[in-house]
Amino acid sequence: MIFSRPTQEQAIALAAMFQNCELVADLAHKGEADTDCLEFAMGALLNQNPDSLEELYGPTINLTIGINSMAASMGDNSSSPLSHRPEVMRYVISILYLARKMSGNKRMLSKIANGIEQASRQAQHFSVTHDNVYGNIASLYQETVSTMRLRIQVSGSGMYLQQPAIAQRIRCLLFAAIRSAFLWQQLGGKRSHLMLQRKAMAKLLPSL
C-alpha cells in the first residue's frame, strides 16, 4: 500500500488539536472561551503519561467542539453544526509542522517536559486553570516554541490579543494542541492523512 489507512485513535488526537485551535480562535475574536473546555485542555496538557487515550481525553463528549470543527474542515460541511473557520486549519497545519520539527530537538523537549512537570505540581496546590499555572506555561511556550523559525500568527482582535491574560491562555492552548500533535504522530498520523485522506479521517470520528 502506498498510503497507510488512518485510524480512529489518530482521528481522536486530531480532533483534540482542532478543539484547542477553536478555543484559540474564540479567545482571539471574542475574548472568551468555554471554561470547561479550557479546564479540559489544561488537564490534558499536564497529563504527560496517560495509560490510554481514554484516560487522557475521557468520553467523546469532551471533544464535541473539536469533532464538529474537524468534520466542518475535513468532511461533509453540511453535517457539522460548527461554522468552518479557515484560520483553524492553518493553526492545525502549523502545529503539526512545529511538532515534527520539535521532535528532533531533544534539549527543547527536555526543557518542556521539566516545565510541564513543574506546572503540574503547581496545579496540584492551586488548580489547572489558576493564573499562575497559565502564566508559567505561557512563559515556557515563549522560551521554547516561540524560538522556532515558524511562529503561529493568531488572527483576531487586537483589543483581546493585547490583553496579557488572554495571550497567556492562547499560548497554553497552542501548547495543548502541540501535545496532541505529538500524540497524533506517535499513533502513526502522517501528512498524507491530512492532505490526501481528509474525508476518510473525518469518517473515523466517533458519533456524538
N, C-alpha and C. Protein backbone atom coordinates (compact mmCIF):
# COMPACT_ATOMS: atom_id res chain seq x y z
N MET A 1 0.84 -1.21 0.00
CA MET A 1 0.00 0.00 0.00
C MET A 1 0.87 1.25 0.00
N ILE A 2 0.51 2.21 -0.82
CA ILE A 2 1.25 3.46 -0.88
C ILE A 2 0.97 4.29 0.37
N PHE A 3 -0.30 4.34 0.76
CA PHE A 3 -0.69 5.13 1.92
C PHE A 3 -1.28 4.21 2.98
N SER A 4 -0.86 4.41 4.23
CA SER A 4 -1.46 3.66 5.33
C SER A 4 -2.84 4.23 5.63
N ARG A 5 -3.71 3.39 6.13
CA ARG A 5 -5.06 3.83 6.45
C ARG A 5 -5.05 4.59 7.78
N PRO A 6 -5.77 5.70 7.85
CA PRO A 6 -5.87 6.40 9.14
C PRO A 6 -6.69 5.56 10.12
N THR A 7 -6.50 5.82 11.41
CA THR A 7 -7.20 5.07 12.45
C THR A 7 -8.07 6.01 13.27
N GLN A 8 -8.99 5.44 14.03
CA GLN A 8 -9.86 6.26 14.87
C GLN A 8 -9.06 6.94 15.98
N GLU A 9 -8.04 6.26 16.49
CA GLU A 9 -7.20 6.88 17.52
C GLU A 9 -6.54 8.15 16.98
N GLN A 10 -6.05 8.07 15.75
CA GLN A 10 -5.46 9.27 15.13
C GLN A 10 -6.51 10.37 14.98
N ALA A 11 -7.72 9.98 14.59
CA ALA A 11 -8.79 10.96 14.41
C ALA A 11 -9.13 11.65 15.73
N ILE A 12 -9.11 10.91 16.83
CA ILE A 12 -9.41 11.50 18.13
C ILE A 12 -8.32 12.49 18.54
N ALA A 13 -7.06 12.12 18.35
CA ALA A 13 -5.96 13.04 18.68
C ALA A 13 -6.03 14.29 17.83
N LEU A 14 -6.39 14.12 16.56
CA LEU A 14 -6.51 15.28 15.67
C LEU A 14 -7.69 16.16 16.07
N ALA A 15 -8.78 15.53 16.50
CA ALA A 15 -9.94 16.30 16.96
C ALA A 15 -9.58 17.14 18.18
N ALA A 16 -8.73 16.60 19.06
CA ALA A 16 -8.28 17.37 20.22
C ALA A 16 -7.49 18.59 19.77
N MET A 17 -6.70 18.44 18.73
CA MET A 17 -5.97 19.59 18.17
C MET A 17 -6.94 20.64 17.65
N PHE A 18 -7.92 20.20 16.89
CA PHE A 18 -8.92 21.12 16.34
C PHE A 18 -9.65 21.85 17.46
N GLN A 19 -9.97 21.14 18.53
CA GLN A 19 -10.69 21.78 19.63
C GLN A 19 -9.87 22.89 20.25
N ASN A 20 -8.59 22.62 20.52
CA ASN A 20 -7.74 23.64 21.10
C ASN A 20 -7.61 24.84 20.17
N CYS A 21 -7.52 24.59 18.89
CA CYS A 21 -7.40 25.69 17.92
C CYS A 21 -8.69 26.49 17.82
N GLU A 22 -9.83 25.84 17.97
CA GLU A 22 -11.11 26.56 18.00
C GLU A 22 -11.18 27.47 19.23
N LEU A 23 -10.68 26.98 20.36
CA LEU A 23 -10.68 27.80 21.57
C LEU A 23 -9.74 28.99 21.42
N VAL A 24 -8.61 28.79 20.73
CA VAL A 24 -7.72 29.91 20.42
C VAL A 24 -8.46 30.97 19.62
N ALA A 25 -9.21 30.52 18.61
CA ALA A 25 -9.97 31.45 17.77
C ALA A 25 -11.04 32.17 18.59
N ASP A 26 -11.70 31.45 19.50
CA ASP A 26 -12.71 32.09 20.36
C ASP A 26 -12.09 33.21 21.20
N LEU A 27 -10.97 32.91 21.83
CA LEU A 27 -10.30 33.92 22.66
C LEU A 27 -9.84 35.10 21.81
N ALA A 28 -9.32 34.83 20.63
CA ALA A 28 -8.78 35.89 19.79
C ALA A 28 -9.86 36.79 19.22
N HIS A 29 -11.04 36.23 18.95
CA HIS A 29 -12.11 37.01 18.33
C HIS A 29 -13.13 37.55 19.33
N LYS A 30 -13.34 36.81 20.43
CA LYS A 30 -14.39 37.18 21.39
C LYS A 30 -13.87 37.51 22.78
N GLY A 31 -12.60 37.19 23.04
CA GLY A 31 -12.04 37.46 24.35
C GLY A 31 -12.44 36.46 25.42
N GLU A 32 -13.12 35.41 25.04
CA GLU A 32 -13.54 34.39 26.00
C GLU A 32 -13.71 33.05 25.29
N ALA A 33 -13.63 31.98 26.08
CA ALA A 33 -13.84 30.63 25.56
C ALA A 33 -14.49 29.80 26.66
N ASP A 34 -15.09 28.70 26.27
CA ASP A 34 -15.79 27.83 27.21
C ASP A 34 -14.86 27.43 28.35
N THR A 35 -15.25 27.74 29.58
CA THR A 35 -14.38 27.49 30.74
C THR A 35 -14.14 26.00 30.98
N ASP A 36 -15.16 25.18 30.75
CA ASP A 36 -14.98 23.74 30.93
C ASP A 36 -13.98 23.19 29.92
N CYS A 37 -14.05 23.70 28.70
CA CYS A 37 -13.12 23.24 27.65
C CYS A 37 -11.69 23.71 27.95
N LEU A 38 -11.56 24.90 28.51
CA LEU A 38 -10.24 25.39 28.90
C LEU A 38 -9.65 24.50 29.99
N GLU A 39 -10.46 24.16 30.97
CA GLU A 39 -10.00 23.30 32.06
C GLU A 39 -9.62 21.92 31.52
N PHE A 40 -10.42 21.42 30.59
CA PHE A 40 -10.14 20.11 29.98
C PHE A 40 -8.82 20.15 29.22
N ALA A 41 -8.59 21.22 28.46
CA ALA A 41 -7.35 21.34 27.69
C ALA A 41 -6.13 21.39 28.60
N MET A 42 -6.24 22.16 29.68
CA MET A 42 -5.11 22.27 30.61
C MET A 42 -4.85 20.94 31.32
N GLY A 43 -5.91 20.24 31.67
CA GLY A 43 -5.76 18.94 32.32
C GLY A 43 -5.05 17.95 31.42
N ALA A 44 -5.43 17.94 30.13
CA ALA A 44 -4.79 17.04 29.17
C ALA A 44 -3.33 17.41 28.95
N LEU A 45 -3.04 18.71 28.91
CA LEU A 45 -1.67 19.16 28.72
C LEU A 45 -0.78 18.72 29.88
N LEU A 46 -1.29 18.82 31.08
CA LEU A 46 -0.50 18.50 32.26
C LEU A 46 -0.41 16.99 32.52
N ASN A 47 -1.24 16.21 31.86
CA ASN A 47 -1.20 14.75 32.00
C ASN A 47 -0.21 14.20 30.97
N GLN A 48 1.05 14.10 31.34
CA GLN A 48 2.09 13.75 30.39
C GLN A 48 2.29 12.24 30.21
N ASN A 49 1.74 11.43 31.10
CA ASN A 49 1.96 9.98 30.99
C ASN A 49 0.66 9.20 31.15
N PRO A 50 -0.31 9.44 30.26
CA PRO A 50 -1.57 8.69 30.36
C PRO A 50 -1.37 7.24 29.90
N ASP A 51 -2.18 6.36 30.44
CA ASP A 51 -2.11 4.95 30.04
C ASP A 51 -2.88 4.68 28.76
N SER A 52 -3.79 5.59 28.40
CA SER A 52 -4.61 5.38 27.21
C SER A 52 -5.19 6.71 26.74
N LEU A 53 -5.74 6.69 25.52
CA LEU A 53 -6.43 7.88 25.02
C LEU A 53 -7.63 8.22 25.89
N GLU A 54 -8.31 7.19 26.35
CA GLU A 54 -9.49 7.42 27.18
C GLU A 54 -9.12 8.11 28.49
N GLU A 55 -7.97 7.73 29.05
CA GLU A 55 -7.54 8.39 30.28
C GLU A 55 -7.18 9.85 30.02
N LEU A 56 -6.63 10.12 28.85
CA LEU A 56 -6.22 11.47 28.51
C LEU A 56 -7.40 12.37 28.17
N TYR A 57 -8.29 11.88 27.33
CA TYR A 57 -9.38 12.71 26.82
C TYR A 57 -10.75 12.40 27.42
N GLY A 58 -10.88 11.23 28.04
CA GLY A 58 -12.17 10.89 28.62
C GLY A 58 -13.20 10.54 27.56
N PRO A 59 -14.49 10.65 27.89
CA PRO A 59 -15.54 10.30 26.93
C PRO A 59 -15.56 11.26 25.74
N THR A 60 -16.11 10.78 24.65
CA THR A 60 -16.14 11.53 23.39
C THR A 60 -16.74 12.91 23.53
N ILE A 61 -17.72 13.06 24.41
CA ILE A 61 -18.40 14.34 24.55
C ILE A 61 -17.45 15.47 24.93
N ASN A 62 -16.32 15.13 25.55
CA ASN A 62 -15.33 16.15 25.91
C ASN A 62 -14.71 16.81 24.69
N LEU A 63 -14.80 16.14 23.53
CA LEU A 63 -14.18 16.66 22.30
C LEU A 63 -15.23 17.10 21.29
N THR A 64 -16.41 17.45 21.77
CA THR A 64 -17.50 17.83 20.87
C THR A 64 -17.10 18.96 19.93
N ILE A 65 -16.50 20.02 20.48
CA ILE A 65 -16.11 21.16 19.64
C ILE A 65 -15.08 20.74 18.60
N GLY A 66 -14.11 19.94 19.02
CA GLY A 66 -13.08 19.50 18.09
C GLY A 66 -13.60 18.58 17.01
N ILE A 67 -14.49 17.67 17.38
CA ILE A 67 -15.06 16.76 16.39
C ILE A 67 -15.88 17.52 15.37
N ASN A 68 -16.71 18.48 15.83
CA ASN A 68 -17.50 19.28 14.91
C ASN A 68 -16.62 20.14 14.02
N SER A 69 -15.56 20.69 14.59
CA SER A 69 -14.64 21.53 13.81
C SER A 69 -13.93 20.71 12.74
N MET A 70 -13.46 19.54 13.13
CA MET A 70 -12.77 18.67 12.19
C MET A 70 -13.70 18.21 11.07
N ALA A 71 -14.94 17.90 11.43
CA ALA A 71 -15.92 17.50 10.42
C ALA A 71 -16.20 18.64 9.45
N ALA A 72 -16.27 19.86 9.98
CA ALA A 72 -16.53 21.03 9.13
C ALA A 72 -15.36 21.31 8.21
N SER A 73 -14.14 21.06 8.67
CA SER A 73 -12.95 21.38 7.90
C SER A 73 -12.55 20.28 6.93
N MET A 74 -12.81 19.03 7.29
CA MET A 74 -12.27 17.92 6.53
C MET A 74 -13.31 16.98 5.94
N GLY A 75 -14.52 17.06 6.42
CA GLY A 75 -15.53 16.12 5.96
C GLY A 75 -16.65 16.81 5.21
N ASP A 76 -17.85 16.36 5.49
CA ASP A 76 -19.05 16.93 4.88
C ASP A 76 -19.49 18.12 5.72
N ASN A 77 -19.25 19.32 5.22
CA ASN A 77 -19.54 20.53 5.99
C ASN A 77 -20.99 20.60 6.44
N SER A 78 -21.89 20.07 5.63
CA SER A 78 -23.31 20.19 5.96
C SER A 78 -23.69 19.37 7.19
N SER A 79 -22.83 18.41 7.57
CA SER A 79 -23.16 17.54 8.70
C SER A 79 -22.70 18.12 10.03
N SER A 80 -21.96 19.24 9.99
CA SER A 80 -21.43 19.81 11.23
C SER A 80 -22.17 21.08 11.59
N PRO A 81 -22.57 21.23 12.87
CA PRO A 81 -23.25 22.45 13.30
C PRO A 81 -22.28 23.62 13.50
N LEU A 82 -20.98 23.37 13.39
CA LEU A 82 -19.98 24.41 13.64
C LEU A 82 -19.54 25.02 12.32
N SER A 83 -19.57 26.34 12.23
CA SER A 83 -19.13 27.03 11.03
C SER A 83 -17.62 26.85 10.86
N HIS A 84 -17.21 26.65 9.63
CA HIS A 84 -15.79 26.44 9.34
C HIS A 84 -15.05 27.77 9.41
N ARG A 85 -13.98 27.81 10.20
CA ARG A 85 -13.13 29.00 10.29
C ARG A 85 -11.78 28.66 9.66
N PRO A 86 -11.44 29.31 8.54
CA PRO A 86 -10.22 28.95 7.80
C PRO A 86 -8.96 29.00 8.65
N GLU A 87 -8.86 29.94 9.61
CA GLU A 87 -7.62 30.04 10.37
C GLU A 87 -7.39 28.82 11.25
N VAL A 88 -8.45 28.11 11.61
CA VAL A 88 -8.29 26.94 12.47
C VAL A 88 -7.46 25.87 11.75
N MET A 89 -7.77 25.61 10.48
CA MET A 89 -6.97 24.65 9.72
C MET A 89 -5.53 25.13 9.57
N ARG A 90 -5.35 26.43 9.42
CA ARG A 90 -3.99 26.98 9.33
C ARG A 90 -3.23 26.72 10.62
N TYR A 91 -3.90 26.91 11.75
CA TYR A 91 -3.25 26.63 13.03
C TYR A 91 -2.87 25.14 13.12
N VAL A 92 -3.80 24.28 12.74
CA VAL A 92 -3.55 22.83 12.82
C VAL A 92 -2.34 22.43 11.99
N ILE A 93 -2.28 22.91 10.75
CA ILE A 93 -1.17 22.57 9.86
C ILE A 93 0.15 23.10 10.42
N SER A 94 0.13 24.33 10.93
CA SER A 94 1.35 24.92 11.50
C SER A 94 1.81 24.14 12.73
N ILE A 95 0.87 23.72 13.56
CA ILE A 95 1.21 22.98 14.78
C ILE A 95 1.79 21.61 14.45
N LEU A 96 1.24 20.95 13.44
CA LEU A 96 1.80 19.66 13.02
C LEU A 96 3.23 19.82 12.52
N TYR A 97 3.47 20.91 11.79
CA TYR A 97 4.82 21.19 11.30
C TYR A 97 5.77 21.45 12.48
N LEU A 98 5.33 22.26 13.43
CA LEU A 98 6.16 22.56 14.59
C LEU A 98 6.48 21.30 15.39
N ALA A 99 5.47 20.47 15.61
CA ALA A 99 5.68 19.24 16.38
C ALA A 99 6.70 18.34 15.69
N ARG A 100 6.63 18.27 14.38
CA ARG A 100 7.58 17.44 13.64
C ARG A 100 9.00 17.97 13.78
N LYS A 101 9.14 19.30 13.70
CA LYS A 101 10.46 19.91 13.85
C LYS A 101 10.98 19.78 15.28
N MET A 102 10.10 19.97 16.24
CA MET A 102 10.50 19.90 17.65
C MET A 102 10.91 18.50 18.07
N SER A 103 10.39 17.49 17.40
CA SER A 103 10.66 16.11 17.80
C SER A 103 12.14 15.77 17.71
N GLY A 104 12.90 16.52 16.92
CA GLY A 104 14.33 16.27 16.80
C GLY A 104 15.19 17.13 17.72
N ASN A 105 14.54 18.00 18.49
CA ASN A 105 15.26 18.91 19.38
C ASN A 105 15.16 18.40 20.82
N LYS A 106 16.07 17.50 21.18
CA LYS A 106 15.99 16.84 22.48
C LYS A 106 16.13 17.83 23.64
N ARG A 107 16.97 18.84 23.47
CA ARG A 107 17.16 19.81 24.53
C ARG A 107 15.87 20.58 24.80
N MET A 108 15.18 20.99 23.73
CA MET A 108 13.93 21.72 23.90
C MET A 108 12.87 20.83 24.53
N LEU A 109 12.79 19.58 24.07
CA LEU A 109 11.79 18.67 24.61
C LEU A 109 12.02 18.41 26.09
N SER A 110 13.28 18.32 26.49
CA SER A 110 13.60 18.12 27.90
C SER A 110 13.18 19.33 28.73
N LYS A 111 13.43 20.52 28.20
CA LYS A 111 13.04 21.74 28.90
C LYS A 111 11.52 21.83 29.03
N ILE A 112 10.81 21.45 27.98
CA ILE A 112 9.35 21.48 28.01
C ILE A 112 8.83 20.47 29.03
N ALA A 113 9.39 19.27 29.01
CA ALA A 113 8.93 18.23 29.94
C ALA A 113 9.13 18.67 31.39
N ASN A 114 10.28 19.26 31.67
CA ASN A 114 10.55 19.72 33.04
C ASN A 114 9.60 20.86 33.42
N GLY A 115 9.34 21.76 32.47
CA GLY A 115 8.44 22.88 32.75
C GLY A 115 7.01 22.44 32.97
N ILE A 116 6.55 21.48 32.18
CA ILE A 116 5.20 20.95 32.34
C ILE A 116 5.07 20.21 33.67
N GLU A 117 6.10 19.46 34.02
CA GLU A 117 6.07 18.74 35.30
C GLU A 117 6.00 19.72 36.48
N GLN A 118 6.74 20.80 36.39
CA GLN A 118 6.69 21.82 37.44
C GLN A 118 5.31 22.46 37.51
N ALA A 119 4.72 22.75 36.35
CA ALA A 119 3.37 23.34 36.32
C ALA A 119 2.34 22.36 36.86
N SER A 120 2.54 21.08 36.61
CA SER A 120 1.62 20.06 37.11
C SER A 120 1.64 20.02 38.64
N ARG A 121 2.84 20.10 39.22
CA ARG A 121 2.94 20.13 40.68
C ARG A 121 2.28 21.39 41.24
N GLN A 122 2.46 22.50 40.54
CA GLN A 122 1.84 23.75 40.97
C GLN A 122 0.32 23.66 40.92
N ALA A 123 -0.20 23.00 39.87
CA ALA A 123 -1.65 22.87 39.71
C ALA A 123 -2.26 22.02 40.82
N GLN A 124 -1.48 21.11 41.39
CA GLN A 124 -1.99 20.29 42.49
C GLN A 124 -2.26 21.12 43.74
N HIS A 125 -1.54 22.21 43.89
CA HIS A 125 -1.72 23.09 45.04
C HIS A 125 -2.80 24.14 44.78
N PHE A 126 -2.97 24.51 43.53
CA PHE A 126 -3.97 25.52 43.18
C PHE A 126 -5.06 24.86 42.33
N SER A 127 -4.98 25.00 41.03
CA SER A 127 -5.87 24.33 40.08
C SER A 127 -5.22 24.41 38.70
N VAL A 128 -5.72 23.60 37.77
CA VAL A 128 -5.11 23.60 36.43
C VAL A 128 -5.37 24.91 35.69
N THR A 129 -6.37 25.68 36.15
CA THR A 129 -6.68 26.95 35.48
C THR A 129 -6.33 28.15 36.36
N HIS A 130 -5.45 27.96 37.32
CA HIS A 130 -5.00 29.09 38.15
C HIS A 130 -4.15 30.03 37.30
N ASP A 131 -4.24 31.32 37.56
CA ASP A 131 -3.49 32.31 36.77
C ASP A 131 -2.00 32.02 36.77
N ASN A 132 -1.46 31.56 37.90
CA ASN A 132 -0.03 31.27 37.96
C ASN A 132 0.36 30.11 37.04
N VAL A 133 -0.53 29.12 36.94
CA VAL A 133 -0.27 27.98 36.05
C VAL A 133 -0.31 28.44 34.60
N TYR A 134 -1.34 29.22 34.25
CA TYR A 134 -1.39 29.79 32.90
C TYR A 134 -0.11 30.57 32.60
N GLY A 135 0.30 31.41 33.54
CA GLY A 135 1.45 32.28 33.33
C GLY A 135 2.73 31.50 33.14
N ASN A 136 2.95 30.46 33.94
CA ASN A 136 4.17 29.68 33.84
C ASN A 136 4.25 28.89 32.54
N ILE A 137 3.13 28.29 32.13
CA ILE A 137 3.14 27.54 30.88
C ILE A 137 3.29 28.47 29.69
N ALA A 138 2.64 29.64 29.75
CA ALA A 138 2.78 30.62 28.67
C ALA A 138 4.23 31.08 28.54
N SER A 139 4.90 31.28 29.67
CA SER A 139 6.32 31.67 29.65
C SER A 139 7.18 30.56 29.06
N LEU A 140 6.85 29.32 29.41
CA LEU A 140 7.56 28.18 28.86
C LEU A 140 7.39 28.12 27.34
N TYR A 141 6.20 28.42 26.87
CA TYR A 141 5.92 28.46 25.43
C TYR A 141 6.82 29.49 24.75
N GLN A 142 6.91 30.68 25.35
CA GLN A 142 7.73 31.74 24.77
C GLN A 142 9.21 31.36 24.75
N GLU A 143 9.65 30.63 25.77
CA GLU A 143 11.07 30.25 25.86
C GLU A 143 11.43 29.09 24.95
N THR A 144 10.44 28.39 24.45
CA THR A 144 10.70 27.20 23.63
C THR A 144 10.07 27.31 22.24
N VAL A 145 8.77 27.14 22.17
CA VAL A 145 8.09 27.11 20.87
C VAL A 145 8.28 28.43 20.11
N SER A 146 8.21 29.54 20.82
CA SER A 146 8.31 30.85 20.15
C SER A 146 9.70 31.12 19.58
N THR A 147 10.69 30.29 19.93
CA THR A 147 12.04 30.48 19.37
C THR A 147 12.21 29.75 18.04
N MET A 148 11.19 28.97 17.64
CA MET A 148 11.26 28.25 16.36
C MET A 148 11.14 29.23 15.21
N ARG A 149 11.68 28.84 14.06
CA ARG A 149 11.63 29.72 12.89
C ARG A 149 10.19 30.02 12.48
N LEU A 150 9.35 28.99 12.48
CA LEU A 150 7.93 29.20 12.19
C LEU A 150 7.22 29.59 13.47
N ARG A 151 6.54 30.71 13.47
CA ARG A 151 5.76 31.13 14.63
C ARG A 151 4.31 31.26 14.20
N ILE A 152 3.41 30.74 15.01
CA ILE A 152 2.00 30.76 14.68
C ILE A 152 1.46 32.17 14.85
N GLN A 153 0.91 32.71 13.78
CA GLN A 153 0.31 34.04 13.80
C GLN A 153 -1.19 33.90 14.07
N VAL A 154 -1.62 34.33 15.24
CA VAL A 154 -3.02 34.20 15.63
C VAL A 154 -3.82 35.39 15.09
N SER A 155 -4.91 35.09 14.39
CA SER A 155 -5.78 36.12 13.85
C SER A 155 -6.86 36.46 14.87
N GLY A 156 -7.19 37.74 14.96
CA GLY A 156 -8.24 38.14 15.89
C GLY A 156 -8.23 39.63 16.15
N SER A 157 -8.88 40.03 17.21
CA SER A 157 -8.99 41.44 17.58
C SER A 157 -7.81 41.85 18.46
N GLY A 158 -7.15 42.92 18.07
CA GLY A 158 -6.04 43.43 18.87
C GLY A 158 -6.46 43.78 20.28
N MET A 159 -7.71 44.16 20.44
CA MET A 159 -8.23 44.52 21.76
C MET A 159 -8.11 43.34 22.72
N TYR A 160 -8.28 42.12 22.20
CA TYR A 160 -8.18 40.93 23.04
C TYR A 160 -6.76 40.37 23.05
N LEU A 161 -6.12 40.33 21.89
CA LEU A 161 -4.80 39.72 21.79
C LEU A 161 -3.75 40.46 22.60
N GLN A 162 -3.98 41.75 22.87
CA GLN A 162 -3.02 42.54 23.63
C GLN A 162 -3.22 42.43 25.14
N GLN A 163 -4.28 41.74 25.55
CA GLN A 163 -4.51 41.55 26.98
C GLN A 163 -3.66 40.38 27.48
N PRO A 164 -2.77 40.60 28.46
CA PRO A 164 -1.85 39.55 28.91
C PRO A 164 -2.54 38.24 29.31
N ALA A 165 -3.66 38.33 30.01
CA ALA A 165 -4.33 37.10 30.47
C ALA A 165 -4.84 36.28 29.28
N ILE A 166 -5.36 36.95 28.26
CA ILE A 166 -5.85 36.25 27.08
C ILE A 166 -4.68 35.68 26.29
N ALA A 167 -3.62 36.46 26.14
CA ALA A 167 -2.44 35.99 25.42
C ALA A 167 -1.85 34.74 26.10
N GLN A 168 -1.86 34.73 27.43
CA GLN A 168 -1.35 33.57 28.16
C GLN A 168 -2.19 32.33 27.88
N ARG A 169 -3.49 32.48 27.90
CA ARG A 169 -4.37 31.35 27.66
C ARG A 169 -4.22 30.83 26.23
N ILE A 170 -4.03 31.72 25.28
CA ILE A 170 -3.83 31.31 23.89
C ILE A 170 -2.55 30.48 23.77
N ARG A 171 -1.49 30.92 24.41
CA ARG A 171 -0.23 30.16 24.35
C ARG A 171 -0.39 28.79 25.00
N CYS A 172 -1.14 28.73 26.09
CA CYS A 172 -1.38 27.45 26.74
C CYS A 172 -2.16 26.51 25.83
N LEU A 173 -3.16 27.03 25.13
CA LEU A 173 -3.96 26.21 24.23
C LEU A 173 -3.14 25.74 23.04
N LEU A 174 -2.26 26.59 22.54
CA LEU A 174 -1.38 26.17 21.45
C LEU A 174 -0.44 25.06 21.92
N PHE A 175 0.02 25.18 23.16
CA PHE A 175 0.86 24.13 23.75
C PHE A 175 0.06 22.82 23.83
N ALA A 176 -1.19 22.92 24.27
CA ALA A 176 -2.03 21.73 24.38
C ALA A 176 -2.25 21.10 23.00
N ALA A 177 -2.39 21.93 21.98
CA ALA A 177 -2.56 21.42 20.61
C ALA A 177 -1.28 20.72 20.15
N ILE A 178 -0.13 21.28 20.48
CA ILE A 178 1.15 20.65 20.13
C ILE A 178 1.28 19.31 20.83
N ARG A 179 0.83 19.25 22.07
CA ARG A 179 0.88 17.99 22.82
C ARG A 179 0.06 16.92 22.10
N SER A 180 -1.12 17.29 21.59
CA SER A 180 -1.93 16.34 20.83
C SER A 180 -1.30 16.01 19.48
N ALA A 181 -0.58 16.96 18.91
CA ALA A 181 0.11 16.71 17.64
C ALA A 181 1.20 15.66 17.81
N PHE A 182 1.94 15.73 18.91
CA PHE A 182 2.93 14.70 19.20
C PHE A 182 2.27 13.34 19.33
N LEU A 183 1.13 13.32 20.02
CA LEU A 183 0.40 12.06 20.20
C LEU A 183 -0.07 11.53 18.84
N TRP A 184 -0.58 12.42 18.01
CA TRP A 184 -1.05 12.03 16.67
C TRP A 184 0.08 11.37 15.89
N GLN A 185 1.27 11.96 15.96
CA GLN A 185 2.42 11.39 15.26
C GLN A 185 2.83 10.05 15.86
N GLN A 186 2.79 9.94 17.18
CA GLN A 186 3.15 8.68 17.85
C GLN A 186 2.19 7.56 17.47
N LEU A 187 0.94 7.93 17.16
CA LEU A 187 -0.07 6.95 16.77
C LEU A 187 0.01 6.61 15.29
N GLY A 188 0.97 7.20 14.59
CA GLY A 188 1.16 6.89 13.18
C GLY A 188 0.53 7.90 12.23
N GLY A 189 0.07 9.03 12.76
CA GLY A 189 -0.50 10.06 11.90
C GLY A 189 0.54 10.62 10.95
N LYS A 190 0.17 10.77 9.68
CA LYS A 190 1.10 11.26 8.66
C LYS A 190 0.49 12.41 7.87
N ARG A 191 1.36 13.16 7.23
CA ARG A 191 0.89 14.30 6.43
C ARG A 191 -0.09 13.84 5.36
N SER A 192 0.13 12.65 4.79
CA SER A 192 -0.76 12.15 3.74
C SER A 192 -2.19 11.98 4.24
N HIS A 193 -2.35 11.66 5.53
CA HIS A 193 -3.69 11.51 6.09
C HIS A 193 -4.42 12.85 6.07
N LEU A 194 -3.70 13.91 6.39
CA LEU A 194 -4.32 15.23 6.47
C LEU A 194 -4.54 15.83 5.09
N MET A 195 -3.58 15.61 4.18
CA MET A 195 -3.65 16.26 2.88
C MET A 195 -4.43 15.45 1.84
N LEU A 196 -4.33 14.12 1.93
CA LEU A 196 -4.90 13.29 0.87
C LEU A 196 -6.05 12.40 1.33
N GLN A 197 -6.21 12.25 2.63
CA GLN A 197 -7.24 11.34 3.14
C GLN A 197 -8.13 12.04 4.17
N ARG A 198 -8.44 13.28 3.90
CA ARG A 198 -9.22 14.07 4.86
C ARG A 198 -10.59 13.45 5.13
N LYS A 199 -11.31 13.11 4.07
CA LYS A 199 -12.65 12.59 4.26
C LYS A 199 -12.63 11.24 4.97
N ALA A 200 -11.63 10.43 4.64
CA ALA A 200 -11.51 9.13 5.31
C ALA A 200 -11.23 9.33 6.79
N MET A 201 -10.39 10.31 7.11
CA MET A 201 -10.10 10.61 8.51
C MET A 201 -11.36 11.11 9.21
N ALA A 202 -12.09 12.01 8.57
CA ALA A 202 -13.30 12.57 9.17
C ALA A 202 -14.36 11.50 9.43
N LYS A 203 -14.42 10.51 8.56
CA LYS A 203 -15.41 9.44 8.73
C LYS A 203 -15.12 8.57 9.94
N LEU A 204 -13.88 8.63 10.43
CA LEU A 204 -13.49 7.84 11.60
C LEU A 204 -13.86 8.51 12.92
N LEU A 205 -14.32 9.76 12.84
CA LEU A 205 -14.68 10.47 14.06
C LEU A 205 -15.84 9.77 14.76
N PRO A 206 -15.75 9.62 16.08
CA PRO A 206 -16.84 8.96 16.81
C PRO A 206 -18.11 9.80 16.76
N SER A 207 -19.23 9.14 16.83
CA SER A 207 -20.53 9.83 16.82
C SER A 207 -20.78 10.48 18.16
N LEU A 208 -21.40 11.65 18.12
CA LEU A 208 -21.71 12.37 19.35
C LEU A 208 -23.15 12.07 19.79
